[in-house]
Amino acid sequence: MPYHHRKLPGYSRFMAIQHSLYGGLRQWMASDTLPLSGLRSASGLVAVNTFVGLAIPFARRCGFKVLALERGYIRAQVPIGRNRNHLGTMYAGALFTLGEIPGGVLVLFDFGGRFVPILERYDINYIAAAKSDVSVECQLSPETLTQLETQMTQSDRASFELASTMTDSTGKLVAEGIGYYQMRYSR
């Protein structure tokens, strides 16, 4: 544990609560009866965003937020406010994070937590400076989801690519990316 954390009162208790909540969410996601339809509601998205923030603390710090989650589809956003760089535009790392996280979220929620997502590579093309909040949309086709499920029954891993399109609040394209992911069984 870093030295500066040892000085914070209640830090250990906070970490224990966070670990317990994260474990409970993972267990809930791994159940065979995961109510994905419930995640479409506002309170369901709060649960999704809580899970993402606990699993990836940087996502919470940069304000990553899932706005819509359907089978094979995700729309998410990061705000400009806490992600502004020295030029007053969105920090490139925040855009990378925005494009990269959705692949993992889709694996976890489309397959009920049975599989763990692993990012192998993410290629991003920065097209224009973003001066406002930025949203991303990503989609896996039903055929791709079926193929991944089939691959996982035949092997202990499956790979897929996921394209991401990032736009500012006016709809202007600011970045495009493609993630190369691997799925493995959860342990």
C-alpha atoms as a PDB file:
ATOM      1  CA  MET A   1       0.000   0.000   0.000  1.00  0.00           C
ATOM      2  CA  PRO A   2       1.432   3.415  -0.892  1.00  0.00           C
ATOM      3  CA  TYR A   3       2.679   5.351   2.128  1.00  0.00           C
ATOM      4  CA  HIS A   4       0.280   8.268   1.667  1.00  0.00           C
ATOM      5  CA  HIS A   5      -2.729   5.905   1.823  1.00  0.00           C
ATOM      6  CA  ARG A   6      -1.694   4.588   5.241  1.00  0.00           C
ATOM      7  CA  LYS A   7      -2.262   8.031   6.704  1.00  0.00           C
ATOM      8  CA  LEU A   8      -5.872   8.342   5.560  1.00  0.00           C
ATOM      9  CA  PRO A   9      -8.347   7.525   8.333  1.00  0.00           C
ATOM     10  CA  GLY A  10     -10.802   4.831   7.302  1.00  0.00           C
ATOM     11  CA  TYR A  11      -8.879   3.891   4.136  1.00  0.00           C
ATOM     12  CA  SER A  12      -8.724   0.168   5.015  1.00  0.00           C
ATOM     13  CA  ARG A  13     -12.428   0.077   5.834  1.00  0.00           C
ATOM     14  CA  PHE A  14     -13.253   1.859   2.564  1.00  0.00           C
ATOM     15  CA  MET A  15     -11.151  -0.640   0.589  1.00  0.00           C
ATOM     16  CA  ALA A  16     -12.849  -3.582   2.354  1.00  0.00           C
ATOM     17  CA  ILE A  17     -16.295  -2.205   1.492  1.00  0.00           C
ATOM     18  CA  GLN A  18     -15.243  -1.557  -2.099  1.00  0.00           C
ATOM     19  CA  HIS A  19     -13.810  -5.085  -2.411  1.00  0.00           C
ATOM     20  CA  SER A  20     -16.981  -6.608  -0.939  1.00  0.00           C
ATOM     21  CA  LEU A  21     -19.245  -4.634  -3.278  1.00  0.00           C
ATOM     22  CA  TYR A  22     -17.108  -5.519  -6.294  1.00  0.00           C
ATOM     23  CA  GLY A  23     -17.189  -9.214  -5.336  1.00  0.00           C
ATOM     24  CA  GLY A  24     -20.958  -9.128  -4.908  1.00  0.00           C
ATOM     25  CA  LEU A  25     -21.457  -7.502  -8.292  1.00  0.00           C
ATOM     26  CA  ARG A  26     -19.172 -10.091  -9.937  1.00  0.00           C
ATOM     27  CA  GLN A  27     -21.114 -12.915  -8.282  1.00  0.00           C
ATOM     28  CA  TRP A  28     -24.431 -11.398  -9.405  1.00  0.00           C
ATOM     29  CA  MET A  29     -23.130 -11.055 -12.964  1.00  0.00           C
ATOM     30  CA  ALA A  30     -21.922 -14.671 -13.042  1.00  0.00           C
ATOM     31  CA  SER A  31     -25.384 -16.025 -12.222  1.00  0.00           C
ATOM     32  CA  ASP A  32     -27.292 -17.834 -14.954  1.00  0.00           C
ATOM     33  CA  THR A  33     -30.325 -15.622 -14.392  1.00  0.00           C
ATOM     34  CA  LEU A  34     -28.722 -12.231 -14.896  1.00  0.00           C
ATOM     35  CA  PRO A  35     -31.601  -9.832 -15.645  1.00  0.00           C
ATOM     36  CA  LEU A  36     -30.028  -7.951 -18.550  1.00  0.00           C
ATOM     37  CA  SER A  37     -33.353  -6.307 -19.310  1.00  0.00           C
ATOM     38  CA  GLY A  38     -33.166  -4.605 -15.911  1.00  0.00           C
ATOM     39  CA  LEU A  39     -29.891  -2.960 -16.866  1.00  0.00           C
ATOM     40  CA  ARG A  40     -31.677  -0.831 -19.448  1.00  0.00           C
ATOM     41  CA  SER A  41     -33.391   1.185 -16.736  1.00  0.00           C
ATOM     42  CA  ALA A  42     -31.834   4.224 -15.083  1.00  0.00           C
ATOM     43  CA  SER A  43     -31.184   2.295 -11.862  1.00  0.00           C
ATOM     44  CA  GLY A  44     -29.712  -0.586 -13.865  1.00  0.00           C
ATOM     45  CA  LEU A  45     -27.272   1.792 -15.535  1.00  0.00           C
ATOM     46  CA  VAL A  46     -26.303   3.105 -12.094  1.00  0.00           C
ATOM     47  CA  ALA A  47     -25.366  -0.492 -11.182  1.00  0.00           C
ATOM     48  CA  VAL A  48     -23.404  -0.897 -14.424  1.00  0.00           C
ATOM     49  CA  ASN A  49     -21.521   2.365 -13.854  1.00  0.00           C
ATOM     50  CA  THR A  50     -20.817   1.435 -10.237  1.00  0.00           C
ATOM     51  CA  PHE A  51     -19.378  -1.888 -11.351  1.00  0.00           C
ATOM     52  CA  VAL A  52     -17.232  -0.288 -14.070  1.00  0.00           C
ATOM     53  CA  GLY A  53     -15.973   2.332 -11.607  1.00  0.00           C
ATOM     54  CA  LEU A  54     -15.022  -0.320  -9.057  1.00  0.00           C
ATOM     55  CA  ALA A  55     -13.409  -2.615 -11.618  1.00  0.00           C
ATOM     56  CA  ILE A  56     -11.519   0.215 -13.340  1.00  0.00           C
ATOM     57  CA  PRO A  57     -10.862   3.103 -10.928  1.00  0.00           C
ATOM     58  CA  PHE A  58      -9.513   5.302 -13.740  1.00  0.00           C
ATOM     59  CA  ALA A  59     -12.907   5.035 -15.461  1.00  0.00           C
ATOM     60  CA  ARG A  60     -14.521   6.532 -12.366  1.00  0.00           C
ATOM     61  CA  ARG A  61     -11.888   9.268 -12.098  1.00  0.00           C
ATOM     62  CA  CYS A  62     -12.295  10.371 -15.714  1.00  0.00           C
ATOM     63  CA  GLY A  63     -16.109  10.285 -15.460  1.00  0.00           C
ATOM     64  CA  PHE A  64     -16.726   7.349 -17.832  1.00  0.00           C
ATOM     65  CA  LYS A  65     -20.455   6.675 -17.874  1.00  0.00           C
ATOM     66  CA  VAL A  66     -22.538   4.073 -19.708  1.00  0.00           C
ATOM     67  CA  LEU A  67     -25.602   5.826 -21.156  1.00  0.00           C
ATOM     68  CA  ALA A  68     -27.231   2.874 -22.965  1.00  0.00           C
ATOM     69  CA  LEU A  69     -26.633  -0.863 -22.851  1.00  0.00           C
ATOM     70  CA  GLU A  70     -28.444  -3.385 -25.018  1.00  0.00           C
ATOM     71  CA  ARG A  71     -27.433  -6.838 -26.198  1.00  0.00           C
ATOM     72  CA  GLY A  72     -24.405  -6.189 -28.416  1.00  0.00           C
ATOM     73  CA  TYR A  73     -24.671  -2.388 -28.131  1.00  0.00           C
ATOM     74  CA  ILE A  74     -23.225   0.226 -25.811  1.00  0.00           C
ATOM     75  CA  ARG A  75     -23.199   4.011 -25.762  1.00  0.00           C
ATOM     76  CA  ALA A  76     -20.988   5.741 -23.199  1.00  0.00           C
ATOM     77  CA  GLN A  77     -19.610   9.197 -22.479  1.00  0.00           C
ATOM     78  CA  VAL A  78     -16.805  11.072 -20.742  1.00  0.00           C
ATOM     79  CA  PRO A  79     -17.131  14.740 -19.743  1.00  0.00           C
ATOM     80  CA  ILE A  80     -14.729  17.424 -20.891  1.00  0.00           C
ATOM     81  CA  GLY A  81     -14.533  19.043 -17.434  1.00  0.00           C
ATOM     82  CA  ARG A  82     -12.128  16.724 -15.667  1.00  0.00           C
ATOM     83  CA  ASN A  83     -10.452  15.584 -18.889  1.00  0.00           C
ATOM     84  CA  ARG A  84      -9.262  18.916 -20.275  1.00  0.00           C
ATOM     85  CA  ASN A  85      -5.633  19.067 -21.405  1.00  0.00           C
ATOM     86  CA  HIS A  86      -3.228  22.020 -21.586  1.00  0.00           C
ATOM     87  CA  LEU A  87      -4.852  23.151 -24.878  1.00  0.00           C
ATOM     88  CA  GLY A  88      -8.376  23.206 -23.447  1.00  0.00           C
ATOM     89  CA  THR A  89      -9.451  20.142 -25.438  1.00  0.00           C
ATOM     90  CA  MET A  90     -10.087  16.593 -24.300  1.00  0.00           C
ATOM     91  CA  TYR A  91      -7.033  14.693 -23.114  1.00  0.00           C
ATOM     92  CA  ALA A  92      -6.091  11.907 -25.559  1.00  0.00           C
ATOM     93  CA  GLY A  93      -5.949   9.337 -22.745  1.00  0.00           C
ATOM     94  CA  ALA A  94      -9.591  10.021 -21.861  1.00  0.00           C
ATOM     95  CA  LEU A  95     -10.597   9.395 -25.486  1.00  0.00           C
ATOM     96  CA  PHE A  96      -8.573   6.171 -25.491  1.00  0.00           C
ATOM     97  CA  THR A  97     -10.318   5.071 -22.287  1.00  0.00           C
ATOM     98  CA  LEU A  98     -13.718   5.953 -23.731  1.00  0.00           C
ATOM     99  CA  GLY A  99     -13.062   3.810 -26.798  1.00  0.00           C
ATOM    100  CA  GLU A 100     -11.432   0.884 -25.021  1.00  0.00           C
ATOM    101  CA  ILE A 101     -13.715   0.133 -22.050  1.00  0.00           C
ATOM    102  CA  PRO A 102     -16.925  -0.691 -23.999  1.00  0.00           C
ATOM    103  CA  GLY A 103     -15.513  -3.994 -25.312  1.00  0.00           C
ATOM    104  CA  GLY A 104     -15.035  -5.240 -21.784  1.00  0.00           C
ATOM    105  CA  VAL A 105     -18.454  -4.028 -20.674  1.00  0.00           C
ATOM    106  CA  LEU A 106     -20.115  -5.831 -23.590  1.00  0.00           C
ATOM    107  CA  VAL A 107     -18.345  -9.106 -22.762  1.00  0.00           C
ATOM    108  CA  LEU A 108     -19.286  -8.902 -19.096  1.00  0.00           C
ATOM    109  CA  PHE A 109     -22.912  -8.012 -19.647  1.00  0.00           C
ATOM    110  CA  ASP A 110     -23.697  -9.934 -22.855  1.00  0.00           C
ATOM    111  CA  PHE A 111     -22.311 -13.166 -21.436  1.00  0.00           C
ATOM    112  CA  GLY A 112     -23.393 -12.740 -17.823  1.00  0.00           C
ATOM    113  CA  GLY A 113     -19.932 -12.591 -16.312  1.00  0.00           C
ATOM    114  CA  ARG A 114     -18.973 -16.124 -17.388  1.00  0.00           C
ATOM    115  CA  PHE A 115     -16.062 -14.723 -19.368  1.00  0.00           C
ATOM    116  CA  VAL A 116     -13.321 -12.224 -18.613  1.00  0.00           C
ATOM    117  CA  PRO A 117     -12.471  -9.624 -21.280  1.00  0.00           C
ATOM    118  CA  ILE A 118      -8.826  -8.971 -22.095  1.00  0.00           C
ATOM    119  CA  LEU A 119      -7.745  -6.096 -24.307  1.00  0.00           C
ATOM    120  CA  GLU A 120      -4.935  -7.257 -26.577  1.00  0.00           C
ATOM    121  CA  ARG A 121      -4.576  -4.031 -28.553  1.00  0.00           C
ATOM    122  CA  TYR A 122      -6.438  -0.807 -29.208  1.00  0.00           C
ATOM    123  CA  ASP A 123      -5.745   1.355 -32.246  1.00  0.00           C
ATOM    124  CA  ILE A 124      -7.106   4.891 -32.225  1.00  0.00           C
ATOM    125  CA  ASN A 125      -7.189   7.606 -34.851  1.00  0.00           C
ATOM    126  CA  TYR A 126      -7.611  11.096 -33.398  1.00  0.00           C
ATOM    127  CA  ILE A 127      -9.509  13.070 -36.045  1.00  0.00           C
ATOM    128  CA  ALA A 128     -10.437  16.407 -34.468  1.00  0.00           C
ATOM    129  CA  ALA A 129      -9.949  18.214 -31.175  1.00  0.00           C
ATOM    130  CA  ALA A 130     -12.850  17.635 -28.791  1.00  0.00           C
ATOM    131  CA  LYS A 131     -13.975  20.753 -26.933  1.00  0.00           C
ATOM    132  CA  SER A 132     -17.048  19.224 -25.264  1.00  0.00           C
ATOM    133  CA  ASP A 133     -18.223  15.958 -23.728  1.00  0.00           C
ATOM    134  CA  VAL A 134     -17.557  12.990 -26.011  1.00  0.00           C
ATOM    135  CA  SER A 135     -19.750   9.933 -26.590  1.00  0.00           C
ATOM    136  CA  VAL A 136     -18.843   6.558 -28.057  1.00  0.00           C
ATOM    137  CA  GLU A 137     -21.001   3.952 -29.741  1.00  0.00           C
ATOM    138  CA  CYS A 138     -19.978   0.341 -30.279  1.00  0.00           C
ATOM    139  CA  GLN A 139     -21.907  -2.624 -31.577  1.00  0.00           C
ATOM    140  CA  LEU A 140     -21.430  -6.385 -31.927  1.00  0.00           C
ATOM    141  CA  SER A 141     -23.821  -8.102 -34.328  1.00  0.00           C
ATOM    142  CA  PRO A 142     -26.035 -10.984 -33.140  1.00  0.00           C
ATOM    143  CA  GLU A 143     -24.026 -13.243 -35.460  1.00  0.00           C
ATOM    144  CA  THR A 144     -20.759 -12.209 -33.806  1.00  0.00           C
ATOM    145  CA  LEU A 145     -22.207 -12.846 -30.344  1.00  0.00           C
ATOM    146  CA  THR A 146     -23.332 -16.320 -31.453  1.00  0.00           C
ATOM    147  CA  GLN A 147     -19.909 -17.048 -32.975  1.00  0.00           C
ATOM    148  CA  LEU A 148     -18.170 -15.998 -29.758  1.00  0.00           C
ATOM    149  CA  GLU A 149     -20.439 -18.246 -27.698  1.00  0.00           C
ATOM    150  CA  THR A 150     -19.687 -21.154 -30.063  1.00  0.00           C
ATOM    151  CA  GLN A 151     -15.930 -20.497 -29.937  1.00  0.00           C
ATOM    152  CA  MET A 152     -16.038 -20.515 -26.143  1.00  0.00           C
ATOM    153  CA  THR A 153     -17.727 -23.943 -26.098  1.00  0.00           C
ATOM    154  CA  GLN A 154     -14.978 -25.331 -28.354  1.00  0.00           C
ATOM    155  CA  SER A 155     -11.987 -23.621 -26.747  1.00  0.00           C
ATOM    156  CA  ASP A 156     -10.965 -21.792 -23.608  1.00  0.00           C
ATOM    157  CA  ARG A 157     -10.781 -18.452 -25.403  1.00  0.00           C
ATOM    158  CA  ALA A 158     -12.282 -16.431 -28.245  1.00  0.00           C
ATOM    159  CA  SER A 159     -11.171 -13.254 -29.997  1.00  0.00           C
ATOM    160  CA  PHE A 160     -13.122 -10.393 -31.518  1.00  0.00           C
ATOM    161  CA  GLU A 161     -12.679  -6.896 -32.884  1.00  0.00           C
ATOM    162  CA  LEU A 162     -14.854  -3.965 -31.866  1.00  0.00           C
ATOM    163  CA  ALA A 163     -14.976  -0.664 -33.754  1.00  0.00           C
ATOM    164  CA  SER A 164     -15.724   2.510 -31.821  1.00  0.00           C
ATOM    165  CA  THR A 165     -16.897   5.883 -33.097  1.00  0.00           C
ATOM    166  CA  MET A 166     -16.443   8.917 -30.842  1.00  0.00           C
ATOM    167  CA  THR A 167     -18.358  12.155 -31.383  1.00  0.00           C
ATOM    168  CA  ASP A 168     -18.554  15.446 -29.516  1.00  0.00           C
ATOM    169  CA  SER A 169     -21.777  17.017 -28.250  1.00  0.00           C
ATOM    170  CA  THR A 170     -22.508  18.487 -31.706  1.00  0.00           C
ATOM    171  CA  GLY A 171     -22.164  15.087 -33.407  1.00  0.00           C
ATOM    172  CA  LYS A 172     -18.769  15.904 -34.935  1.00  0.00           C
ATOM    173  CA  LEU A 173     -16.491  12.870 -35.322  1.00  0.00           C
ATOM    174  CA  VAL A 174     -13.451  13.340 -33.072  1.00  0.00           C
ATOM    175  CA  ALA A 175     -11.924   9.845 -32.994  1.00  0.00           C
ATOM    176  CA  GLU A 176     -12.322   6.317 -34.284  1.00  0.00           C
ATOM    177  CA  GLY A 177     -10.826   3.194 -32.832  1.00  0.00           C
ATOM    178  CA  ILE A 178     -10.727  -0.545 -33.066  1.00  0.00           C
ATOM    179  CA  GLY A 179     -10.163  -2.837 -30.131  1.00  0.00           C
ATOM    180  CA  TYR A 180      -8.795  -6.352 -30.354  1.00  0.00           C
ATOM    181  CA  TYR A 181     -10.169  -8.343 -27.446  1.00  0.00           C
ATOM    182  CA  GLN A 182      -9.899 -11.840 -26.123  1.00  0.00           C
ATOM    183  CA  MET A 183     -12.392 -13.613 -23.890  1.00  0.00           C
ATOM    184  CA  ARG A 184     -11.474 -16.316 -21.376  1.00  0.00           C
ATOM    185  CA  TYR A 185     -13.490 -18.198 -18.809  1.00  0.00           C
ATOM    186  CA  SER A 186     -13.891 -16.497 -15.427  1.00  0.00           C
ATOM    187  CA  ARG A 187     -12.235 -18.277 -12.544  1.00  0.00           C
END
